Amino acid sequence: MTPLLLTDIERAIRSSWSAETCTPEFRSHSHWTEDNPARDQCGVTALVLNDLLGGELIRGEVHVDGERVDYHWWNRLGMGIEIDLTREQFGPHEIVTGATVIHRPPATEWHRLREEYELLRDRVLEKLNRQQAAA
């Protein structure tokens, strides 16, 4: 069996993003577009990466004009290596500050983004499994 590379995982995640996997309250505001596919995908993406690679979930704050407008999520692996596949979603006026480790609650306690996470996870796993089968 050929081991998966981080580039394989990244490609599977990026190609699995859609409006259906972004934060639901932003769908009607047209924040997510094919021109900015990483927009509002950070929470579900960080969870899927955590499933695949372990490590810690990190949450920062997004500020515009000094005011917090949202949160941003990414991953920290061993030896402090941080992976943020959705960082490019932000414009120059949006500043991410802070980095707090957030304990992942059991899936039975999830209420927000559960459907979006499960959809993204299933799409990513299907793509990675197909890749492994073809190797």
C-alpha atoms as a PDB file:
ATOM      1  CA  MET A   1       0.000   0.000   0.000  1.00  0.00           C
ATOM      2  CA  THR A   2       1.382   3.404  -1.004  1.00  0.00           C
ATOM      3  CA  PRO A   3       1.342   5.890   1.882  1.00  0.00           C
ATOM      4  CA  LEU A   4      -0.731   9.031   1.489  1.00  0.00           C
ATOM      5  CA  LEU A   5       1.153  12.283   1.180  1.00  0.00           C
ATOM      6  CA  LEU A   6      -0.005  15.575   2.617  1.00  0.00           C
ATOM      7  CA  THR A   7      -0.387  16.816  -0.968  1.00  0.00           C
ATOM      8  CA  ASP A   8      -2.812  13.926  -1.633  1.00  0.00           C
ATOM      9  CA  ILE A   9      -4.898  14.864   1.404  1.00  0.00           C
ATOM     10  CA  GLU A  10      -4.833  18.560   0.517  1.00  0.00           C
ATOM     11  CA  ARG A  11      -5.945  17.881  -3.061  1.00  0.00           C
ATOM     12  CA  ALA A  12      -8.785  15.623  -1.859  1.00  0.00           C
ATOM     13  CA  ILE A  13      -9.989  18.255   0.622  1.00  0.00           C
ATOM     14  CA  ARG A  14      -9.777  21.207  -1.758  1.00  0.00           C
ATOM     15  CA  SER A  15     -11.616  19.335  -4.504  1.00  0.00           C
ATOM     16  CA  SER A  16     -14.371  18.357  -2.038  1.00  0.00           C
ATOM     17  CA  TRP A  17     -15.306  21.869  -0.899  1.00  0.00           C
ATOM     18  CA  SER A  18     -18.634  23.261  -2.058  1.00  0.00           C
ATOM     19  CA  ALA A  19     -21.384  25.561  -0.862  1.00  0.00           C
ATOM     20  CA  GLU A  20     -22.873  22.518   0.902  1.00  0.00           C
ATOM     21  CA  THR A  21     -19.761  22.089   3.083  1.00  0.00           C
ATOM     22  CA  CYS A  22     -19.340  25.740   4.102  1.00  0.00           C
ATOM     23  CA  THR A  23     -20.764  27.390   7.200  1.00  0.00           C
ATOM     24  CA  PRO A  24     -24.549  27.368   6.553  1.00  0.00           C
ATOM     25  CA  GLU A  25     -25.335  30.862   7.804  1.00  0.00           C
ATOM     26  CA  PHE A  26     -23.028  32.321   5.141  1.00  0.00           C
ATOM     27  CA  ARG A  27     -24.496  30.454   2.152  1.00  0.00           C
ATOM     28  CA  SER A  28     -27.292  32.969   1.619  1.00  0.00           C
ATOM     29  CA  HIS A  29     -24.838  35.886   1.849  1.00  0.00           C
ATOM     30  CA  SER A  30     -22.810  34.489  -1.064  1.00  0.00           C
ATOM     31  CA  HIS A  31     -19.584  34.469   0.965  1.00  0.00           C
ATOM     32  CA  TRP A  32     -18.662  31.117  -0.561  1.00  0.00           C
ATOM     33  CA  THR A  33     -17.957  31.161  -4.287  1.00  0.00           C
ATOM     34  CA  GLU A  34     -15.987  29.008  -6.687  1.00  0.00           C
ATOM     35  CA  ASP A  35     -13.569  31.947  -6.954  1.00  0.00           C
ATOM     36  CA  ASN A  36     -12.867  31.651  -3.206  1.00  0.00           C
ATOM     37  CA  PRO A  37     -13.575  27.971  -2.434  1.00  0.00           C
ATOM     38  CA  ALA A  38     -11.767  28.047   0.943  1.00  0.00           C
ATOM     39  CA  ARG A  39     -14.224  30.648   2.262  1.00  0.00           C
ATOM     40  CA  ASP A  40     -16.061  29.449   5.376  1.00  0.00           C
ATOM     41  CA  GLN A  41     -14.591  25.933   5.106  1.00  0.00           C
ATOM     42  CA  CYS A  42     -12.110  26.252   7.998  1.00  0.00           C
ATOM     43  CA  GLY A  43     -14.050  24.488  10.764  1.00  0.00           C
ATOM     44  CA  VAL A  44     -15.000  21.403   8.790  1.00  0.00           C
ATOM     45  CA  THR A  45     -11.601  21.262   7.088  1.00  0.00           C
ATOM     46  CA  ALA A  46      -9.777  21.385  10.431  1.00  0.00           C
ATOM     47  CA  LEU A  47     -11.955  18.537  11.736  1.00  0.00           C
ATOM     48  CA  VAL A  48     -11.317  16.337   8.690  1.00  0.00           C
ATOM     49  CA  LEU A  49      -7.562  16.986   8.896  1.00  0.00           C
ATOM     50  CA  ASN A  50      -7.730  16.140  12.591  1.00  0.00           C
ATOM     51  CA  ASP A  51      -9.429  12.843  11.687  1.00  0.00           C
ATOM     52  CA  LEU A  52      -6.676  11.994   9.216  1.00  0.00           C
ATOM     53  CA  LEU A  53      -3.558  13.383  10.894  1.00  0.00           C
ATOM     54  CA  GLY A  54      -4.393  13.865  14.571  1.00  0.00           C
ATOM     55  CA  GLY A  55      -2.843  16.789  16.389  1.00  0.00           C
ATOM     56  CA  GLU A  56      -4.629  19.773  17.872  1.00  0.00           C
ATOM     57  CA  LEU A  57      -7.467  21.979  16.696  1.00  0.00           C
ATOM     58  CA  ILE A  58      -6.514  25.654  16.810  1.00  0.00           C
ATOM     59  CA  ARG A  59      -8.933  28.582  16.866  1.00  0.00           C
ATOM     60  CA  GLY A  60      -8.077  32.207  16.228  1.00  0.00           C
ATOM     61  CA  GLU A  61     -10.178  35.318  15.916  1.00  0.00           C
ATOM     62  CA  VAL A  62     -10.853  37.164  12.664  1.00  0.00           C
ATOM     63  CA  HIS A  63     -10.762  40.935  13.088  1.00  0.00           C
ATOM     64  CA  VAL A  64     -11.865  43.698  10.740  1.00  0.00           C
ATOM     65  CA  ASP A  65     -11.021  47.252  11.772  1.00  0.00           C
ATOM     66  CA  GLY A  66     -10.017  45.957  15.213  1.00  0.00           C
ATOM     67  CA  GLU A  67     -13.345  44.223  15.880  1.00  0.00           C
ATOM     68  CA  ARG A  68     -13.833  40.450  16.050  1.00  0.00           C
ATOM     69  CA  VAL A  69     -16.180  39.354  13.287  1.00  0.00           C
ATOM     70  CA  ASP A  70     -15.636  35.589  13.271  1.00  0.00           C
ATOM     71  CA  TYR A  71     -13.371  32.700  14.272  1.00  0.00           C
ATOM     72  CA  HIS A  72     -10.845  30.828  12.153  1.00  0.00           C
ATOM     73  CA  TRP A  73      -9.802  27.177  12.624  1.00  0.00           C
ATOM     74  CA  TRP A  74      -6.686  25.260  11.582  1.00  0.00           C
ATOM     75  CA  ASN A  75      -4.485  22.380  12.777  1.00  0.00           C
ATOM     76  CA  ARG A  76      -1.280  21.922  14.727  1.00  0.00           C
ATOM     77  CA  LEU A  77       0.576  18.646  14.378  1.00  0.00           C
ATOM     78  CA  GLY A  78       3.511  17.301  16.366  1.00  0.00           C
ATOM     79  CA  MET A  79       6.564  19.511  16.861  1.00  0.00           C
ATOM     80  CA  GLY A  80       4.338  22.589  16.481  1.00  0.00           C
ATOM     81  CA  ILE A  81       3.830  22.252  12.712  1.00  0.00           C
ATOM     82  CA  GLU A  82       0.716  24.182  11.722  1.00  0.00           C
ATOM     83  CA  ILE A  83      -1.415  23.397   8.680  1.00  0.00           C
ATOM     84  CA  ASP A  84      -4.009  25.881   7.503  1.00  0.00           C
ATOM     85  CA  LEU A  85      -5.611  24.889   4.205  1.00  0.00           C
ATOM     86  CA  THR A  86      -8.133  27.745   4.290  1.00  0.00           C
ATOM     87  CA  ARG A  87      -5.955  30.737   5.136  1.00  0.00           C
ATOM     88  CA  GLU A  88      -6.290  32.189   1.634  1.00  0.00           C
ATOM     89  CA  GLN A  89     -10.007  32.817   2.187  1.00  0.00           C
ATOM     90  CA  PHE A  90      -9.268  36.130   3.889  1.00  0.00           C
ATOM     91  CA  GLY A  91      -8.890  39.508   2.268  1.00  0.00           C
ATOM     92  CA  PRO A  92      -6.258  42.034   3.332  1.00  0.00           C
ATOM     93  CA  HIS A  93      -8.753  43.762   5.670  1.00  0.00           C
ATOM     94  CA  GLU A  94      -9.344  40.528   7.641  1.00  0.00           C
ATOM     95  CA  ILE A  95      -6.691  39.828  10.272  1.00  0.00           C
ATOM     96  CA  VAL A  96      -6.449  36.505  12.128  1.00  0.00           C
ATOM     97  CA  THR A  97      -5.159  36.878  15.690  1.00  0.00           C
ATOM     98  CA  GLY A  98      -4.495  34.476  18.517  1.00  0.00           C
ATOM     99  CA  ALA A  99      -4.154  30.722  18.535  1.00  0.00           C
ATOM    100  CA  THR A 100      -6.065  28.813  21.193  1.00  0.00           C
ATOM    101  CA  VAL A 101      -6.020  25.022  21.398  1.00  0.00           C
ATOM    102  CA  ILE A 102      -9.610  23.757  21.430  1.00  0.00           C
ATOM    103  CA  HIS A 103     -10.464  20.301  22.776  1.00  0.00           C
ATOM    104  CA  ARG A 104     -12.505  18.345  20.236  1.00  0.00           C
ATOM    105  CA  PRO A 105     -15.829  17.328  21.754  1.00  0.00           C
ATOM    106  CA  PRO A 106     -17.273  13.866  21.087  1.00  0.00           C
ATOM    107  CA  ALA A 107     -19.305  13.735  17.865  1.00  0.00           C
ATOM    108  CA  THR A 108     -22.440  13.019  19.904  1.00  0.00           C
ATOM    109  CA  GLU A 109     -22.218  16.580  21.298  1.00  0.00           C
ATOM    110  CA  TRP A 110     -21.950  18.317  17.919  1.00  0.00           C
ATOM    111  CA  HIS A 111     -24.888  20.387  16.865  1.00  0.00           C
ATOM    112  CA  ARG A 112     -23.346  22.965  14.548  1.00  0.00           C
ATOM    113  CA  LEU A 113     -21.685  21.997  11.241  1.00  0.00           C
ATOM    114  CA  ARG A 114     -22.178  18.282  11.783  1.00  0.00           C
ATOM    115  CA  GLU A 115     -23.856  17.678   8.417  1.00  0.00           C
ATOM    116  CA  GLU A 116     -21.271  19.820   6.598  1.00  0.00           C
ATOM    117  CA  TYR A 117     -18.402  18.027   8.337  1.00  0.00           C
ATOM    118  CA  GLU A 118     -19.813  14.573   7.553  1.00  0.00           C
ATOM    119  CA  LEU A 119     -20.342  15.493   3.900  1.00  0.00           C
ATOM    120  CA  LEU A 120     -16.796  16.830   3.532  1.00  0.00           C
ATOM    121  CA  ARG A 121     -15.320  13.856   5.418  1.00  0.00           C
ATOM    122  CA  ASP A 122     -17.176  11.353   3.257  1.00  0.00           C
ATOM    123  CA  ARG A 123     -16.144  13.070   0.025  1.00  0.00           C
ATOM    124  CA  VAL A 124     -12.487  13.254   1.106  1.00  0.00           C
ATOM    125  CA  LEU A 125     -12.366   9.629   2.248  1.00  0.00           C
ATOM    126  CA  GLU A 126     -13.955   8.468  -0.999  1.00  0.00           C
ATOM    127  CA  LYS A 127     -11.334  10.327  -3.035  1.00  0.00           C
ATOM    128  CA  LEU A 128      -8.458   9.045  -0.909  1.00  0.00           C
ATOM    129  CA  ASN A 129      -9.780   5.474  -1.062  1.00  0.00           C
ATOM    130  CA  ARG A 130     -10.087   5.672  -4.866  1.00  0.00           C
ATOM    131  CA  GLN A 131      -6.536   6.977  -5.056  1.00  0.00           C
ATOM    132  CA  GLN A 132      -5.267   4.141  -2.866  1.00  0.00           C
ATOM    133  CA  ALA A 133      -7.125   1.570  -4.962  1.00  0.00           C
ATOM    134  CA  ALA A 134      -5.620   2.954  -8.159  1.00  0.00           C
ATOM    135  CA  ALA A 135      -2.061   2.906  -6.768  1.00  0.00           C
END
